[in-house]
Amino acid sequence: MNFVRSIAIAAALITAQGASATQLITNGGFESGLSAWTVTDLAGGNGTWYAASGTVAPFSSLTTVGPFAGSSYAVTDQGGPGTHALTQSFSVAPGASSVLLSFQMFVNSYGGTAGNGGVLNHTGGGVELGRVDLLTGAAGAFDTGAGVISNLFSGNDTGNNPNPYTAYSFDITSLVSSGGAFQLRFAESDNQGFFNMGVDNVSINATANAVPEPGSLALIGLGLFGMVFLRKRMQA
């Protein structure tokens, strides 16, 4: 038996087993409305997150680009100042080798640009702000402090409204590889004018390290033993 070939076969078996990829976000295309997502509106404000179709915002009737894919997307709309968060919790197993976040988003501000320090609260200073954040599992819907693991976006699109989708992609492996519960948040706060924040095609793909099956490990061991045996014979 060719023991070198044994090693090659074992390696191929491990590769075939591969690293298992898992989708951590449910209903990322919003084809089931806002199912699996949590909508939180700051008290005293106006508007909310909607699951919408077509290119007309559901409250203001302003024009948007519509869904990125499929027939539905998530979008904020309002008739006055408000602050709105769209969150989904997800869990990551310890030791994930790769965790990749991606989504499509547009942020149409009809009241200019106002940051208010990134705070999600329309009752303070002037604010016209969209945010995307990776949060701890225990963070509140409007937390912009200790509960924020990483701020991934803050601001709004600078082109003419309605803006097209922009593709966003983030490698968040180092932020979540220790494992545990987390939240993904899309949020906005506005008190200067209409504000449409649209999101579609949200995905978090986690890949676990491949673990060789016992049979594959045994085959590799056999191959290594054979190589050592052949080398000793050649040296004899």
C-alpha atoms as a PDB file:
ATOM      1  CA  MET A   1       0.000   0.000   0.000  1.00  0.00           C
ATOM      2  CA  ASN A   2       1.290   3.490  -0.823  1.00  0.00           C
ATOM      3  CA  PHE A   3       1.330   5.228   2.558  1.00  0.00           C
ATOM      4  CA  VAL A   4       1.980   8.661   1.100  1.00  0.00           C
ATOM      5  CA  ARG A   5      -1.195   8.190  -0.911  1.00  0.00           C
ATOM      6  CA  SER A   6      -2.949   7.285   2.353  1.00  0.00           C
ATOM      7  CA  ILE A   7      -2.121  10.672   3.777  1.00  0.00           C
ATOM      8  CA  ALA A   8      -3.420  12.375   0.645  1.00  0.00           C
ATOM      9  CA  ILE A   9      -6.683  10.435   0.889  1.00  0.00           C
ATOM     10  CA  ALA A  10      -7.077  11.348   4.551  1.00  0.00           C
ATOM     11  CA  ALA A  11      -6.492  15.004   3.831  1.00  0.00           C
ATOM     12  CA  ALA A  12      -9.064  14.853   1.066  1.00  0.00           C
ATOM     13  CA  LEU A  13     -11.584  13.293   3.451  1.00  0.00           C
ATOM     14  CA  ILE A  14     -11.064  16.081   5.956  1.00  0.00           C
ATOM     15  CA  THR A  15     -11.419  18.688   3.245  1.00  0.00           C
ATOM     16  CA  ALA A  16     -14.602  16.999   2.054  1.00  0.00           C
ATOM     17  CA  GLN A  17     -15.987  17.145   5.592  1.00  0.00           C
ATOM     18  CA  GLY A  18     -15.136  20.823   5.423  1.00  0.00           C
ATOM     19  CA  ALA A  19     -15.868  23.584   7.858  1.00  0.00           C
ATOM     20  CA  SER A  20     -19.574  23.846   8.600  1.00  0.00           C
ATOM     21  CA  ALA A  21     -21.109  27.205   7.661  1.00  0.00           C
ATOM     22  CA  THR A  22     -24.158  28.364   9.620  1.00  0.00           C
ATOM     23  CA  GLN A  23     -26.486  31.271   8.905  1.00  0.00           C
ATOM     24  CA  LEU A  24     -27.101  33.082  12.206  1.00  0.00           C
ATOM     25  CA  ILE A  25     -29.717  35.591  11.008  1.00  0.00           C
ATOM     26  CA  THR A  26     -33.349  34.601  10.478  1.00  0.00           C
ATOM     27  CA  ASN A  27     -35.488  36.374   7.859  1.00  0.00           C
ATOM     28  CA  GLY A  28     -32.619  38.575   6.710  1.00  0.00           C
ATOM     29  CA  GLY A  29     -34.467  39.363   3.488  1.00  0.00           C
ATOM     30  CA  PHE A  30     -37.653  40.459   5.317  1.00  0.00           C
ATOM     31  CA  GLU A  31     -39.774  38.237   3.103  1.00  0.00           C
ATOM     32  CA  SER A  32     -41.664  37.243   6.270  1.00  0.00           C
ATOM     33  CA  GLY A  33     -42.219  40.842   7.325  1.00  0.00           C
ATOM     34  CA  LEU A  34     -40.338  41.754  10.488  1.00  0.00           C
ATOM     35  CA  SER A  35     -40.583  38.241  11.909  1.00  0.00           C
ATOM     36  CA  ALA A  36     -37.560  37.315  14.095  1.00  0.00           C
ATOM     37  CA  TRP A  37     -36.661  41.006  14.434  1.00  0.00           C
ATOM     38  CA  THR A  38     -37.506  43.233  17.406  1.00  0.00           C
ATOM     39  CA  VAL A  39     -38.742  46.785  16.815  1.00  0.00           C
ATOM     40  CA  THR A  40     -38.321  49.303  19.629  1.00  0.00           C
ATOM     41  CA  ASP A  41     -39.530  52.914  19.386  1.00  0.00           C
ATOM     42  CA  LEU A  42     -38.419  55.551  21.886  1.00  0.00           C
ATOM     43  CA  ALA A  43     -41.415  56.787  23.844  1.00  0.00           C
ATOM     44  CA  GLY A  44     -42.913  60.070  22.695  1.00  0.00           C
ATOM     45  CA  GLY A  45     -41.693  59.786  19.131  1.00  0.00           C
ATOM     46  CA  ASN A  46     -43.416  59.344  15.814  1.00  0.00           C
ATOM     47  CA  GLY A  47     -42.971  56.580  13.236  1.00  0.00           C
ATOM     48  CA  THR A  48     -41.414  53.125  13.357  1.00  0.00           C
ATOM     49  CA  TRP A  49     -39.797  50.355  11.303  1.00  0.00           C
ATOM     50  CA  TYR A  50     -41.947  48.831   8.577  1.00  0.00           C
ATOM     51  CA  ALA A  51     -41.706  45.812   6.311  1.00  0.00           C
ATOM     52  CA  ALA A  52     -42.381  47.450   2.962  1.00  0.00           C
ATOM     53  CA  SER A  53     -42.612  46.532  -0.703  1.00  0.00           C
ATOM     54  CA  GLY A  54     -42.409  48.735  -3.758  1.00  0.00           C
ATOM     55  CA  THR A  55     -40.751  52.147  -3.962  1.00  0.00           C
ATOM     56  CA  VAL A  56     -43.109  54.236  -1.832  1.00  0.00           C
ATOM     57  CA  ALA A  57     -42.384  54.738   1.876  1.00  0.00           C
ATOM     58  CA  PRO A  58     -45.382  53.446   3.882  1.00  0.00           C
ATOM     59  CA  PHE A  59     -46.157  56.610   5.910  1.00  0.00           C
ATOM     60  CA  SER A  60     -44.732  59.661   4.148  1.00  0.00           C
ATOM     61  CA  SER A  61     -45.161  58.310   0.590  1.00  0.00           C
ATOM     62  CA  LEU A  62     -41.627  59.478  -0.203  1.00  0.00           C
ATOM     63  CA  THR A  63     -39.842  57.561  -2.936  1.00  0.00           C
ATOM     64  CA  THR A  64     -37.291  54.909  -2.019  1.00  0.00           C
ATOM     65  CA  VAL A  65     -35.259  52.483  -4.100  1.00  0.00           C
ATOM     66  CA  GLY A  66     -37.495  49.629  -2.902  1.00  0.00           C
ATOM     67  CA  PRO A  67     -36.333  46.087  -2.072  1.00  0.00           C
ATOM     68  CA  PHE A  68     -32.799  45.064  -2.925  1.00  0.00           C
ATOM     69  CA  ALA A  69     -33.928  41.508  -3.601  1.00  0.00           C
ATOM     70  CA  GLY A  70     -37.215  39.680  -3.330  1.00  0.00           C
ATOM     71  CA  SER A  71     -40.376  41.619  -2.635  1.00  0.00           C
ATOM     72  CA  SER A  72     -39.804  43.139   0.821  1.00  0.00           C
ATOM     73  CA  TYR A  73     -37.325  45.192   2.836  1.00  0.00           C
ATOM     74  CA  ALA A  74     -37.232  46.973   6.202  1.00  0.00           C
ATOM     75  CA  VAL A  75     -37.500  50.768   6.289  1.00  0.00           C
ATOM     76  CA  THR A  76     -38.173  53.544   8.794  1.00  0.00           C
ATOM     77  CA  ASP A  77     -40.746  56.225   8.127  1.00  0.00           C
ATOM     78  CA  GLN A  78     -42.445  58.877  10.229  1.00  0.00           C
ATOM     79  CA  GLY A  79     -44.524  62.024  10.397  1.00  0.00           C
ATOM     80  CA  GLY A  80     -42.440  63.718  13.079  1.00  0.00           C
ATOM     81  CA  PRO A  81     -39.377  63.308  15.317  1.00  0.00           C
ATOM     82  CA  GLY A  82     -38.621  59.788  16.479  1.00  0.00           C
ATOM     83  CA  THR A  83     -36.026  57.177  17.379  1.00  0.00           C
ATOM     84  CA  HIS A  84     -36.350  53.583  16.205  1.00  0.00           C
ATOM     85  CA  ALA A  85     -34.290  50.406  16.626  1.00  0.00           C
ATOM     86  CA  LEU A  86     -34.467  47.112  14.732  1.00  0.00           C
ATOM     87  CA  THR A  87     -32.551  44.330  16.461  1.00  0.00           C
ATOM     88  CA  GLN A  88     -32.014  40.610  16.221  1.00  0.00           C
ATOM     89  CA  SER A  89     -30.229  38.431  18.768  1.00  0.00           C
ATOM     90  CA  PHE A  90     -27.861  35.692  17.642  1.00  0.00           C
ATOM     91  CA  SER A  91     -25.441  33.271  19.273  1.00  0.00           C
ATOM     92  CA  VAL A  92     -21.957  32.255  18.233  1.00  0.00           C
ATOM     93  CA  ALA A  93     -20.286  29.015  19.284  1.00  0.00           C
ATOM     94  CA  PRO A  94     -16.816  29.451  20.827  1.00  0.00           C
ATOM     95  CA  GLY A  95     -13.875  29.089  18.469  1.00  0.00           C
ATOM     96  CA  ALA A  96     -15.591  30.033  15.217  1.00  0.00           C
ATOM     97  CA  SER A  97     -12.966  30.376  12.508  1.00  0.00           C
ATOM     98  CA  SER A  98     -14.909  32.971  10.511  1.00  0.00           C
ATOM     99  CA  VAL A  99     -17.966  35.141  11.199  1.00  0.00           C
ATOM    100  CA  LEU A 100     -18.934  37.478   8.357  1.00  0.00           C
ATOM    101  CA  LEU A 101     -21.685  40.111   8.480  1.00  0.00           C
ATOM    102  CA  SER A 102     -23.133  41.620   5.310  1.00  0.00           C
ATOM    103  CA  PHE A 103     -26.164  43.698   4.370  1.00  0.00           C
ATOM    104  CA  GLN A 104     -27.508  46.193   1.866  1.00  0.00           C
ATOM    105  CA  MET A 105     -28.600  49.609   3.175  1.00  0.00           C
ATOM    106  CA  PHE A 106     -29.645  53.132   2.183  1.00  0.00           C
ATOM    107  CA  VAL A 107     -30.093  56.109   4.496  1.00  0.00           C
ATOM    108  CA  ASN A 108     -32.152  58.999   3.107  1.00  0.00           C
ATOM    109  CA  SER A 109     -32.102  62.127   5.250  1.00  0.00           C
ATOM    110  CA  TYR A 110     -34.412  64.986   4.284  1.00  0.00           C
ATOM    111  CA  GLY A 111     -33.259  67.138   7.191  1.00  0.00           C
ATOM    112  CA  GLY A 112     -29.572  67.382   6.441  1.00  0.00           C
ATOM    113  CA  THR A 113     -26.862  65.951   8.675  1.00  0.00           C
ATOM    114  CA  ALA A 114     -26.899  66.198  12.455  1.00  0.00           C
ATOM    115  CA  GLY A 115     -24.982  63.820  14.677  1.00  0.00           C
ATOM    116  CA  ASN A 116     -25.792  64.756  18.297  1.00  0.00           C
ATOM    117  CA  GLY A 117     -22.729  62.765  19.337  1.00  0.00           C
ATOM    118  CA  GLY A 118     -24.178  59.567  17.908  1.00  0.00           C
ATOM    119  CA  VAL A 119     -26.814  59.427  20.645  1.00  0.00           C
ATOM    120  CA  LEU A 120     -30.055  57.697  19.709  1.00  0.00           C
ATOM    121  CA  ASN A 121     -32.485  60.198  21.210  1.00  0.00           C
ATOM    122  CA  HIS A 122     -34.620  62.686  19.294  1.00  0.00           C
ATOM    123  CA  THR A 123     -35.519  64.665  22.435  1.00  0.00           C
ATOM    124  CA  GLY A 124     -32.072  66.203  22.827  1.00  0.00           C
ATOM    125  CA  GLY A 125     -30.092  68.246  20.316  1.00  0.00           C
ATOM    126  CA  GLY A 126     -30.484  68.191  16.569  1.00  0.00           C
ATOM    127  CA  VAL A 127     -30.167  64.659  15.246  1.00  0.00           C
ATOM    128  CA  GLU A 128     -30.561  63.089  11.818  1.00  0.00           C
ATOM    129  CA  LEU A 129     -28.617  59.888  12.191  1.00  0.00           C
ATOM    130  CA  GLY A 130     -28.587  56.232  11.167  1.00  0.00           C
ATOM    131  CA  ARG A 131     -26.476  53.665  13.031  1.00  0.00           C
ATOM    132  CA  VAL A 132     -25.507  50.016  12.683  1.00  0.00           C
ATOM    133  CA  ASP A 133     -23.995  48.354  15.737  1.00  0.00           C
ATOM    134  CA  LEU A 134     -22.845  45.017  17.082  1.00  0.00           C
ATOM    135  CA  LEU A 135     -24.153  44.864  20.659  1.00  0.00           C
ATOM    136  CA  THR A 136     -23.743  42.645  23.678  1.00  0.00           C
ATOM    137  CA  GLY A 137     -26.622  40.310  24.335  1.00  0.00           C
ATOM    138  CA  ALA A 138     -27.760  42.380  27.317  1.00  0.00           C
ATOM    139  CA  ALA A 139     -27.525  45.850  25.732  1.00  0.00           C
ATOM    140  CA  GLY A 140     -30.617  48.041  25.554  1.00  0.00           C
ATOM    141  CA  ALA A 141     -32.199  48.942  22.234  1.00  0.00           C
ATOM    142  CA  PHE A 142     -30.795  52.500  22.262  1.00  0.00           C
ATOM    143  CA  ASP A 143     -27.498  51.871  24.088  1.00  0.00           C
ATOM    144  CA  THR A 144     -24.607  53.828  22.565  1.00  0.00           C
ATOM    145  CA  GLY A 145     -22.210  53.239  25.457  1.00  0.00           C
ATOM    146  CA  ALA A 146     -20.860  50.120  27.143  1.00  0.00           C
ATOM    147  CA  GLY A 147     -23.271  47.795  25.344  1.00  0.00           C
ATOM    148  CA  VAL A 148     -21.767  48.607  21.938  1.00  0.00           C
ATOM    149  CA  ILE A 149     -19.092  46.111  20.929  1.00  0.00           C
ATOM    150  CA  SER A 150     -18.498  47.840  17.606  1.00  0.00           C
ATOM    151  CA  ASN A 151     -20.147  50.707  15.726  1.00  0.00           C
ATOM    152  CA  LEU A 152     -20.225  49.680  12.070  1.00  0.00           C
ATOM    153  CA  PHE A 153     -21.984  52.699  10.562  1.00  0.00           C
ATOM    154  CA  SER A 154     -22.992  56.165  11.752  1.00  0.00           C
ATOM    155  CA  GLY A 155     -24.428  58.955   9.604  1.00  0.00           C
ATOM    156  CA  ASN A 156     -26.462  59.028   6.422  1.00  0.00           C
ATOM    157  CA  ASP A 157     -25.953  58.815   2.678  1.00  0.00           C
ATOM    158  CA  THR A 158     -24.677  62.031   1.114  1.00  0.00           C
ATOM    159  CA  GLY A 159     -26.119  61.630  -2.382  1.00  0.00           C
ATOM    160  CA  ASN A 160     -29.401  62.923  -3.689  1.00  0.00           C
ATOM    161  CA  ASN A 161     -32.491  61.269  -2.232  1.00  0.00           C
ATOM    162  CA  PRO A 162     -33.565  58.610  -2.822  1.00  0.00           C
ATOM    163  CA  ASN A 163     -30.174  56.967  -2.472  1.00  0.00           C
ATOM    164  CA  PRO A 164     -29.355  53.540  -3.911  1.00  0.00           C
ATOM    165  CA  TYR A 165     -28.364  50.618  -1.744  1.00  0.00           C
ATOM    166  CA  THR A 166     -24.775  50.396  -0.565  1.00  0.00           C
ATOM    167  CA  ALA A 167     -23.277  46.957   0.111  1.00  0.00           C
ATOM    168  CA  TYR A 168     -21.625  46.560   3.510  1.00  0.00           C
ATOM    169  CA  SER A 169     -19.456  43.662   4.646  1.00  0.00           C
ATOM    170  CA  PHE A 170     -17.620  43.195   7.938  1.00  0.00           C
ATOM    171  CA  ASP A 171     -15.409  40.446   9.309  1.00  0.00           C
ATOM    172  CA  ILE A 172     -16.535  40.325  12.950  1.00  0.00           C
ATOM    173  CA  THR A 173     -14.672  37.115  13.817  1.00  0.00           C
ATOM    174  CA  SER A 174     -12.338  38.718  16.356  1.00  0.00           C
ATOM    175  CA  LEU A 175     -15.282  40.409  18.086  1.00  0.00           C
ATOM    176  CA  VAL A 176     -17.388  37.296  18.618  1.00  0.00           C
ATOM    177  CA  SER A 177     -15.068  34.271  18.376  1.00  0.00           C
ATOM    178  CA  SER A 178     -15.092  33.816  22.163  1.00  0.00           C
ATOM    179  CA  GLY A 179     -18.713  32.804  21.750  1.00  0.00           C
ATOM    180  CA  GLY A 180     -21.905  33.892  23.455  1.00  0.00           C
ATOM    181  CA  ALA A 181     -25.024  35.941  22.781  1.00  0.00           C
ATOM    182  CA  PHE A 182     -24.958  39.131  20.718  1.00  0.00           C
ATOM    183  CA  GLN A 183     -27.309  41.536  18.959  1.00  0.00           C
ATOM    184  CA  LEU A 184     -27.231  43.196  15.562  1.00  0.00           C
ATOM    185  CA  ARG A 185     -28.896  46.627  15.566  1.00  0.00           C
ATOM    186  CA  PHE A 186     -30.071  48.971  12.832  1.00  0.00           C
ATOM    187  CA  ALA A 187     -31.288  52.230  14.351  1.00  0.00           C
ATOM    188  CA  GLU A 188     -32.016  55.844  13.539  1.00  0.00           C
ATOM    189  CA  SER A 189     -32.978  59.050  15.292  1.00  0.00           C
ATOM    190  CA  ASP A 190     -34.415  62.119  13.548  1.00  0.00           C
ATOM    191  CA  ASN A 191     -35.869  65.484  14.525  1.00  0.00           C
ATOM    192  CA  GLN A 192     -34.901  67.647  11.550  1.00  0.00           C
ATOM    193  CA  GLY A 193     -36.959  66.157   8.719  1.00  0.00           C
ATOM    194  CA  PHE A 194     -38.156  62.935   7.115  1.00  0.00           C
ATOM    195  CA  PHE A 195     -35.747  60.033   7.421  1.00  0.00           C
ATOM    196  CA  ASN A 196     -35.894  56.720   5.557  1.00  0.00           C
ATOM    197  CA  MET A 197     -33.367  54.083   6.596  1.00  0.00           C
ATOM    198  CA  GLY A 198     -33.758  50.946   4.461  1.00  0.00           C
ATOM    199  CA  VAL A 199     -32.166  47.536   5.015  1.00  0.00           C
ATOM    200  CA  ASP A 200     -32.252  44.278   3.065  1.00  0.00           C
ATOM    201  CA  ASN A 201     -30.317  41.048   2.501  1.00  0.00           C
ATOM    202  CA  VAL A 202     -28.889  40.825   6.044  1.00  0.00           C
ATOM    203  CA  SER A 203     -26.605  37.865   6.679  1.00  0.00           C
ATOM    204  CA  ILE A 204     -24.234  36.617   9.370  1.00  0.00           C
ATOM    205  CA  ASN A 205     -22.374  33.500   8.252  1.00  0.00           C
ATOM    206  CA  ALA A 206     -20.360  31.643  10.887  1.00  0.00           C
ATOM    207  CA  THR A 207     -17.863  28.938   9.959  1.00  0.00           C
ATOM    208  CA  ALA A 208     -16.663  26.510  12.606  1.00  0.00           C
ATOM    209  CA  ASN A 209     -13.242  24.911  12.573  1.00  0.00           C
ATOM    210  CA  ALA A 210     -13.406  21.494  10.902  1.00  0.00           C
ATOM    211  CA  VAL A 211     -12.859  18.571  13.289  1.00  0.00           C
ATOM    212  CA  PRO A 212     -11.443  15.424  11.647  1.00  0.00           C
ATOM    213  CA  GLU A 213     -13.470  12.262  12.195  1.00  0.00           C
ATOM    214  CA  PRO A 214     -11.738   9.409  14.099  1.00  0.00           C
ATOM    215  CA  GLY A 215     -11.435   7.367  10.913  1.00  0.00           C
ATOM    216  CA  SER A 216      -9.623  10.203   9.149  1.00  0.00           C
ATOM    217  CA  LEU A 217      -7.251  10.648  12.073  1.00  0.00           C
ATOM    218  CA  ALA A 218      -6.508   6.935  12.080  1.00  0.00           C
ATOM    219  CA  LEU A 219      -5.763   7.011   8.368  1.00  0.00           C
ATOM    220  CA  ILE A 220      -3.358   9.899   8.801  1.00  0.00           C
ATOM    221  CA  GLY A 221      -1.675   8.070  11.658  1.00  0.00           C
ATOM    222  CA  LEU A 222      -1.322   4.979   9.516  1.00  0.00           C
ATOM    223  CA  GLY A 223       0.189   7.025   6.719  1.00  0.00           C
ATOM    224  CA  LEU A 224       2.692   8.714   9.021  1.00  0.00           C
ATOM    225  CA  PHE A 225       3.676   5.363  10.510  1.00  0.00           C
ATOM    226  CA  GLY A 226       4.209   3.993   7.018  1.00  0.00           C
ATOM    227  CA  MET A 227       6.412   6.919   6.012  1.00  0.00           C
ATOM    228  CA  VAL A 228       8.587   6.439   9.106  1.00  0.00           C
ATOM    229  CA  PHE A 229       8.844   2.674   8.392  1.00  0.00           C
ATOM    230  CA  LEU A 230       9.831   3.237   4.751  1.00  0.00           C
ATOM    231  CA  ARG A 231      12.393   5.877   5.706  1.00  0.00           C
ATOM    232  CA  LYS A 232      14.050   3.483   8.187  1.00  0.00           C
ATOM    233  CA  ARG A 233      14.239   0.757   5.548  1.00  0.00           C
ATOM    234  CA  MET A 234      15.823   3.138   3.068  1.00  0.00           C
ATOM    235  CA  GLN A 235      18.442   4.139   5.649  1.00  0.00           C
ATOM    236  CA  ALA A 236      19.213   0.506   6.597  1.00  0.00           C
END
